[in-house]
Amino acid sequence: MKVGDLVKFVEHSAIEYENMHAGLVLEVDVSMWGDEHVPAGVKVLWCKTGASELVYEDEVQVISEAMTA
């Protein structure tokens, strides 16, 4: 997962039922609340609401990869 990827919540996530929209990855490898263990966090900007949220990277899946230069 990298900055610019388009993501959505994975199907097994309880949160998926609250938010079925796509989001844009803004930041990767975020230390979640001081936890140094895997999985790392990612910051996602949700397209429909415009709100950003920190989630564990295993809670979202890439649906479209960002272009690389």
PDB file of N, CA and C in Angstrom:
ATOM      1  N   MET A   1       0.850  -1.163   0.000  1.00  0.00           N
ATOM      2  CA  MET A   1       0.000   0.000   0.000  1.00  0.00           C
ATOM      3  C   MET A   1       0.901   1.234   0.000  1.00  0.00           C
ATOM      4  N   LYS A   2       0.502   2.226  -0.800  1.00  0.00           N
ATOM      5  CA  LYS A   2       1.310   3.441  -0.884  1.00  0.00           C
ATOM      6  C   LYS A   2       0.419   4.678  -0.990  1.00  0.00           C
ATOM      7  N   VAL A   3       1.012   5.822  -0.761  1.00  0.00           N
ATOM      8  CA  VAL A   3       0.283   7.086  -0.855  1.00  0.00           C
ATOM      9  C   VAL A   3      -0.310   7.217  -2.256  1.00  0.00           C
ATOM     10  N   GLY A   4      -1.573   7.594  -2.322  1.00  0.00           N
ATOM     11  CA  GLY A   4      -2.252   7.772  -3.593  1.00  0.00           C
ATOM     12  C   GLY A   4      -3.133   6.602  -3.991  1.00  0.00           C
ATOM     13  N   ASP A   5      -2.969   5.443  -3.320  1.00  0.00           N
ATOM     14  CA  ASP A   5      -3.828   4.293  -3.621  1.00  0.00           C
ATOM     15  C   ASP A   5      -5.264   4.597  -3.223  1.00  0.00           C
ATOM     16  N   LEU A   6      -6.204   4.028  -3.971  1.00  0.00           N
ATOM     17  CA  LEU A   6      -7.623   4.111  -3.648  1.00  0.00           C
ATOM     18  C   LEU A   6      -7.984   2.849  -2.883  1.00  0.00           C
ATOM     19  N   VAL A   7      -8.620   2.990  -1.724  1.00  0.00           N
ATOM     20  CA  VAL A   7      -8.907   1.848  -0.861  1.00  0.00           C
ATOM     21  C   VAL A   7     -10.364   1.831  -0.422  1.00  0.00           C
ATOM     22  N   LYS A   8     -10.776   0.682   0.113  1.00  0.00           N
ATOM     23  CA  LYS A   8     -12.071   0.538   0.768  1.00  0.00           C
ATOM     24  C   LYS A   8     -11.869  -0.434   1.917  1.00  0.00           C
ATOM     25  N   PHE A   9     -12.800  -0.458   2.853  1.00  0.00           N
ATOM     26  CA  PHE A   9     -12.693  -1.398   3.960  1.00  0.00           C
ATOM     27  C   PHE A   9     -12.807  -2.821   3.437  1.00  0.00           C
ATOM     28  N   VAL A  10     -12.064  -3.750   4.049  1.00  0.00           N
ATOM     29  CA  VAL A  10     -12.135  -5.152   3.656  1.00  0.00           C
ATOM     30  C   VAL A  10     -13.495  -5.718   4.031  1.00  0.00           C
ATOM     31  N   GLU A  11     -13.894  -6.790   3.366  1.00  0.00           N
ATOM     32  CA  GLU A  11     -15.234  -7.334   3.544  1.00  0.00           C
ATOM     33  C   GLU A  11     -15.504  -7.878   4.936  1.00  0.00           C
ATOM     34  N   HIS A  12     -14.479  -8.357   5.652  1.00  0.00           N
ATOM     35  CA  HIS A  12     -14.707  -8.915   6.982  1.00  0.00           C
ATOM     36  C   HIS A  12     -14.755  -7.860   8.080  1.00  0.00           C
ATOM     37  N   SER A  13     -14.515  -6.612   7.729  1.00  0.00           N
ATOM     38  CA  SER A  13     -14.464  -5.544   8.722  1.00  0.00           C
ATOM     39  C   SER A  13     -15.870  -5.122   9.147  1.00  0.00           C
ATOM     40  N   ALA A  14     -16.065  -4.999  10.448  1.00  0.00           N
ATOM     41  CA  ALA A  14     -17.360  -4.528  10.960  1.00  0.00           C
ATOM     42  C   ALA A  14     -17.610  -3.093  10.523  1.00  0.00           C
ATOM     43  N   ILE A  15     -16.541  -2.324  10.348  1.00  0.00           N
ATOM     44  CA  ILE A  15     -16.661  -0.925   9.953  1.00  0.00           C
ATOM     45  C   ILE A  15     -17.159  -0.794   8.521  1.00  0.00           C
ATOM     46  N   GLU A  16     -16.924  -1.838   7.708  1.00  0.00           N
ATOM     47  CA  GLU A  16     -17.327  -1.791   6.302  1.00  0.00           C
ATOM     48  C   GLU A  16     -18.805  -1.455   6.152  1.00  0.00           C
ATOM     49  N   TYR A  17     -19.628  -1.953   7.068  1.00  0.00           N
ATOM     50  CA  TYR A  17     -21.064  -1.755   6.947  1.00  0.00           C
ATOM     51  C   TYR A  17     -21.474  -0.324   7.260  1.00  0.00           C
ATOM     52  N   GLU A  18     -20.610   0.412   7.958  1.00  0.00           N
ATOM     53  CA  GLU A  18     -20.873   1.815   8.238  1.00  0.00           C
ATOM     54  C   GLU A  18     -20.336   2.709   7.124  1.00  0.00           C
ATOM     55  N   ASN A  19     -19.266   2.265   6.451  1.00  0.00           N
ATOM     56  CA  ASN A  19     -18.603   3.082   5.440  1.00  0.00           C
ATOM     57  C   ASN A  19     -18.239   2.196   4.251  1.00  0.00           C
ATOM     58  N   MET A  20     -19.040   2.222   3.212  1.00  0.00           N
ATOM     59  CA  MET A  20     -18.786   1.393   2.042  1.00  0.00           C
ATOM     60  C   MET A  20     -18.180   2.217   0.908  1.00  0.00           C
ATOM     61  N   HIS A  21     -17.638   3.393   1.232  1.00  0.00           N
ATOM     62  CA  HIS A  21     -17.111   4.303   0.228  1.00  0.00           C
ATOM     63  C   HIS A  21     -15.605   4.139   0.045  1.00  0.00           C
ATOM     64  N   ALA A  22     -15.110   4.698  -1.028  1.00  0.00           N
ATOM     65  CA  ALA A  22     -13.680   4.644  -1.330  1.00  0.00           C
ATOM     66  C   ALA A  22     -12.959   5.792  -0.630  1.00  0.00           C
ATOM     67  N   GLY A  23     -11.678   5.561  -0.406  1.00  0.00           N
ATOM     68  CA  GLY A  23     -10.846   6.591   0.210  1.00  0.00           C
ATOM     69  C   GLY A  23      -9.472   6.620  -0.426  1.00  0.00           C
ATOM     70  N   LEU A  24      -8.787   7.726  -0.273  1.00  0.00           N
ATOM     71  CA  LEU A  24      -7.462   7.940  -0.834  1.00  0.00           C
ATOM     72  C   LEU A  24      -6.426   7.878   0.287  1.00  0.00           C
ATOM     73  N   VAL A  25      -5.392   7.059   0.105  1.00  0.00           N
ATOM     74  CA  VAL A  25      -4.344   6.931   1.115  1.00  0.00           C
ATOM     75  C   VAL A  25      -3.485   8.195   1.110  1.00  0.00           C
ATOM     76  N   LEU A  26      -3.397   8.855   2.280  1.00  0.00           N
ATOM     77  CA  LEU A  26      -2.609  10.080   2.424  1.00  0.00           C
ATOM     78  C   LEU A  26      -1.250   9.813   3.056  1.00  0.00           C
ATOM     79  N   GLU A  27      -1.176   8.801   3.926  1.00  0.00           N
ATOM     80  CA  GLU A  27       0.048   8.527   4.669  1.00  0.00           C
ATOM     81  C   GLU A  27       0.095   7.039   4.992  1.00  0.00           C
ATOM     82  N   VAL A  28       1.285   6.453   4.956  1.00  0.00           N
ATOM     83  CA  VAL A  28       1.452   5.031   5.279  1.00  0.00           C
ATOM     84  C   VAL A  28       2.463   4.865   6.412  1.00  0.00           C
ATOM     85  N   ASP A  29       2.522   3.665   6.970  1.00  0.00           N
ATOM     86  CA  ASP A  29       3.461   3.336   8.062  1.00  0.00           C
ATOM     87  C   ASP A  29       3.290   4.234   9.275  1.00  0.00           C
ATOM     88  N   VAL A  30       2.054   4.521   9.619  1.00  0.00           N
ATOM     89  CA  VAL A  30       1.754   5.332  10.795  1.00  0.00           C
ATOM     90  C   VAL A  30       1.812   4.440  12.030  1.00  0.00           C
ATOM     91  N   SER A  31       2.523   4.874  13.050  1.00  0.00           N
ATOM     92  CA  SER A  31       2.564   4.144  14.317  1.00  0.00           C
ATOM     93  C   SER A  31       1.243   4.384  15.032  1.00  0.00           C
ATOM     94  N   MET A  32       0.479   3.325  15.199  1.00  0.00           N
ATOM     95  CA  MET A  32      -0.859   3.450  15.788  1.00  0.00           C
ATOM     96  C   MET A  32      -0.771   3.537  17.308  1.00  0.00           C
ATOM     97  N   TRP A  33      -1.023   4.695  17.856  1.00  0.00           N
ATOM     98  CA  TRP A  33      -1.074   4.945  19.291  1.00  0.00           C
ATOM     99  C   TRP A  33       0.151   4.402  20.002  1.00  0.00           C
ATOM    100  N   GLY A  34       1.334   4.570  19.384  1.00  0.00           N
ATOM    101  CA  GLY A  34       2.579   4.133  19.988  1.00  0.00           C
ATOM    102  C   GLY A  34       2.848   2.643  19.857  1.00  0.00           C
ATOM    103  N   ASP A  35       1.980   1.933  19.162  1.00  0.00           N
ATOM    104  CA  ASP A  35       2.133   0.492  18.983  1.00  0.00           C
ATOM    105  C   ASP A  35       3.093   0.239  17.834  1.00  0.00           C
ATOM    106  N   GLU A  36       4.217  -0.383  18.108  1.00  0.00           N
ATOM    107  CA  GLU A  36       5.246  -0.622  17.089  1.00  0.00           C
ATOM    108  C   GLU A  36       5.052  -1.947  16.355  1.00  0.00           C
ATOM    109  N   HIS A  37       3.972  -2.635  16.618  1.00  0.00           N
ATOM    110  CA  HIS A  37       3.740  -3.941  16.011  1.00  0.00           C
ATOM    111  C   HIS A  37       2.981  -3.819  14.694  1.00  0.00           C
ATOM    112  N   VAL A  38       3.077  -4.872  13.904  1.00  0.00           N
ATOM    113  CA  VAL A  38       2.347  -4.948  12.642  1.00  0.00           C
ATOM    114  C   VAL A  38       0.910  -5.284  12.981  1.00  0.00           C
ATOM    115  N   PRO A  39      -0.112  -4.779  12.346  1.00  0.00           N
ATOM    116  CA  PRO A  39      -0.004  -3.937  11.163  1.00  0.00           C
ATOM    117  C   PRO A  39       0.171  -2.458  11.509  1.00  0.00           C
ATOM    118  N   ALA A  40       0.791  -1.767  10.598  1.00  0.00           N
ATOM    119  CA  ALA A  40       0.949  -0.315  10.732  1.00  0.00           C
ATOM    120  C   ALA A  40      -0.379   0.355  10.397  1.00  0.00           C
ATOM    121  N   GLY A  41      -0.418   1.633  10.612  1.00  0.00           N
ATOM    122  CA  GLY A  41      -1.618   2.379  10.283  1.00  0.00           C
ATOM    123  C   GLY A  41      -1.467   3.119   8.967  1.00  0.00           C
ATOM    124  N   VAL A  42      -2.595   3.479   8.397  1.00  0.00           N
ATOM    125  CA  VAL A  42      -2.618   4.333   7.209  1.00  0.00           C
ATOM    126  C   VAL A  42      -3.633   5.443   7.453  1.00  0.00           C
ATOM    127  N   LYS A  43      -3.336   6.612   6.910  1.00  0.00           N
ATOM    128  CA  LYS A  43      -4.272   7.728   6.997  1.00  0.00           C
ATOM    129  C   LYS A  43      -5.032   7.775   5.685  1.00  0.00           C
ATOM    130  N   VAL A  44      -6.354   7.722   5.779  1.00  0.00           N
ATOM    131  CA  VAL A  44      -7.219   7.669   4.592  1.00  0.00           C
ATOM    132  C   VAL A  44      -8.126   8.889   4.559  1.00  0.00           C
ATOM    133  N   LEU A  45      -8.234   9.508   3.404  1.00  0.00           N
ATOM    134  CA  LEU A  45      -9.185  10.596   3.169  1.00  0.00           C
ATOM    135  C   LEU A  45     -10.387   9.984   2.467  1.00  0.00           C
ATOM    136  N   TRP A  46     -11.531   9.943   3.155  1.00  0.00           N
ATOM    137  CA  TRP A  46     -12.727   9.330   2.573  1.00  0.00           C
ATOM    138  C   TRP A  46     -13.358  10.282   1.567  1.00  0.00           C
ATOM    139  N   CYS A  47     -13.557   9.790   0.363  1.00  0.00           N
ATOM    140  CA  CYS A  47     -14.001  10.624  -0.761  1.00  0.00           C
ATOM    141  C   CYS A  47     -15.378  11.237  -0.543  1.00  0.00           C
ATOM    142  N   LYS A  48     -16.313  10.497   0.010  1.00  0.00           N
ATOM    143  CA  LYS A  48     -17.678  11.009   0.142  1.00  0.00           C
ATOM    144  C   LYS A  48     -17.802  12.075   1.222  1.00  0.00           C
ATOM    145  N   THR A  49     -17.112  11.863   2.355  1.00  0.00           N
ATOM    146  CA  THR A  49     -17.279  12.781   3.479  1.00  0.00           C
ATOM    147  C   THR A  49     -16.207  13.861   3.555  1.00  0.00           C
ATOM    148  N   GLY A  50     -15.039  13.606   2.961  1.00  0.00           N
ATOM    149  CA  GLY A  50     -13.934  14.548   3.054  1.00  0.00           C
ATOM    150  C   GLY A  50     -13.207  14.482   4.383  1.00  0.00           C
ATOM    151  N   ALA A  51     -13.585  13.509   5.213  1.00  0.00           N
ATOM    152  CA  ALA A  51     -12.948  13.338   6.521  1.00  0.00           C
ATOM    153  C   ALA A  51     -11.758  12.390   6.396  1.00  0.00           C
ATOM    154  N   SER A  52     -10.699  12.654   7.166  1.00  0.00           N
ATOM    155  CA  SER A  52      -9.562  11.739   7.182  1.00  0.00           C
ATOM    156  C   SER A  52      -9.641  10.892   8.446  1.00  0.00           C
ATOM    157  N   GLU A  53      -9.078   9.690   8.354  1.00  0.00           N
ATOM    158  CA  GLU A  53      -9.170   8.740   9.459  1.00  0.00           C
ATOM    159  C   GLU A  53      -7.929   7.853   9.467  1.00  0.00           C
ATOM    160  N   LEU A  54      -7.432   7.535  10.659  1.00  0.00           N
ATOM    161  CA  LEU A  54      -6.353   6.564  10.807  1.00  0.00           C
ATOM    162  C   LEU A  54      -6.972   5.186  11.019  1.00  0.00           C
ATOM    163  N   VAL A  55      -6.550   4.222  10.201  1.00  0.00           N
ATOM    164  CA  VAL A  55      -7.028   2.845  10.333  1.00  0.00           C
ATOM    165  C   VAL A  55      -5.836   1.910  10.208  1.00  0.00           C
ATOM    166  N   TYR A  56      -5.965   0.692  10.742  1.00  0.00           N
ATOM    167  CA  TYR A  56      -4.922  -0.305  10.544  1.00  0.00           C
ATOM    168  C   TYR A  56      -4.924  -0.727   9.083  1.00  0.00           C
ATOM    169  N   GLU A  57      -3.720  -0.947   8.512  1.00  0.00           N
ATOM    170  CA  GLU A  57      -3.637  -1.259   7.087  1.00  0.00           C
ATOM    171  C   GLU A  57      -4.314  -2.570   6.717  1.00  0.00           C
ATOM    172  N   ASP A  58      -4.526  -3.478   7.680  1.00  0.00           N
ATOM    173  CA  ASP A  58      -5.220  -4.718   7.343  1.00  0.00           C
ATOM    174  C   ASP A  58      -6.740  -4.561   7.359  1.00  0.00           C
ATOM    175  N   GLU A  59      -7.238  -3.358   7.677  1.00  0.00           N
ATOM    176  CA  GLU A  59      -8.677  -3.091   7.646  1.00  0.00           C
ATOM    177  C   GLU A  59      -9.141  -2.583   6.283  1.00  0.00           C
ATOM    178  N   VAL A  60      -8.189  -2.204   5.427  1.00  0.00           N
ATOM    179  CA  VAL A  60      -8.550  -1.693   4.106  1.00  0.00           C
ATOM    180  C   VAL A  60      -7.830  -2.485   3.020  1.00  0.00           C
ATOM    181  N   GLN A  61      -8.423  -2.478   1.838  1.00  0.00           N
ATOM    182  CA  GLN A  61      -7.805  -3.146   0.692  1.00  0.00           C
ATOM    183  C   GLN A  61      -7.718  -2.175  -0.465  1.00  0.00           C
ATOM    184  N   VAL A  62      -6.673  -2.319  -1.260  1.00  0.00           N
ATOM    185  CA  VAL A  62      -6.449  -1.449  -2.419  1.00  0.00           C
ATOM    186  C   VAL A  62      -7.413  -1.853  -3.523  1.00  0.00           C
ATOM    187  N   ILE A  63      -8.130  -0.880  -4.072  1.00  0.00           N
ATOM    188  CA  ILE A  63      -9.011  -1.167  -5.207  1.00  0.00           C
ATOM    189  C   ILE A  63      -8.467  -0.533  -6.490  1.00  0.00           C
ATOM    190  N   SER A  64      -7.525   0.406  -6.348  1.00  0.00           N
ATOM    191  CA  SER A  64      -6.865   0.999  -7.509  1.00  0.00           C
ATOM    192  C   SER A  64      -5.523   1.555  -7.048  1.00  0.00           C
ATOM    193  N   GLU A  65      -4.448   1.108  -7.680  1.00  0.00           N
ATOM    194  CA  GLU A  65      -3.108   1.556  -7.300  1.00  0.00           C
ATOM    195  C   GLU A  65      -2.788   2.920  -7.874  1.00  0.00           C
ATOM    196  N   ALA A  66      -2.020   3.685  -7.097  1.00  0.00           N
ATOM    197  CA  ALA A  66      -1.564   5.001  -7.560  1.00  0.00           C
ATOM    198  C   ALA A  66      -0.534   4.838  -8.665  1.00  0.00           C
ATOM    199  N   MET A  67      -0.507   5.774  -9.565  1.00  0.00           N
ATOM    200  CA  MET A  67       0.517   5.788 -10.632  1.00  0.00           C
ATOM    201  C   MET A  67       1.844   6.196 -10.009  1.00  0.00           C
ATOM    202  N   THR A  68       2.926   5.618 -10.485  1.00  0.00           N
ATOM    203  CA  THR A  68       4.253   6.018 -10.034  1.00  0.00           C
ATOM    204  C   THR A  68       4.978   6.741 -11.159  1.00  0.00           C
ATOM    205  N   ALA A  69       5.773   7.708 -10.784  1.00  0.00           N
ATOM    206  CA  ALA A  69       6.471   8.507 -11.792  1.00  0.00           C
ATOM    207  C   ALA A  69       7.718   7.820 -12.281  1.00  0.00           C
TER     208      ALA A  69
END
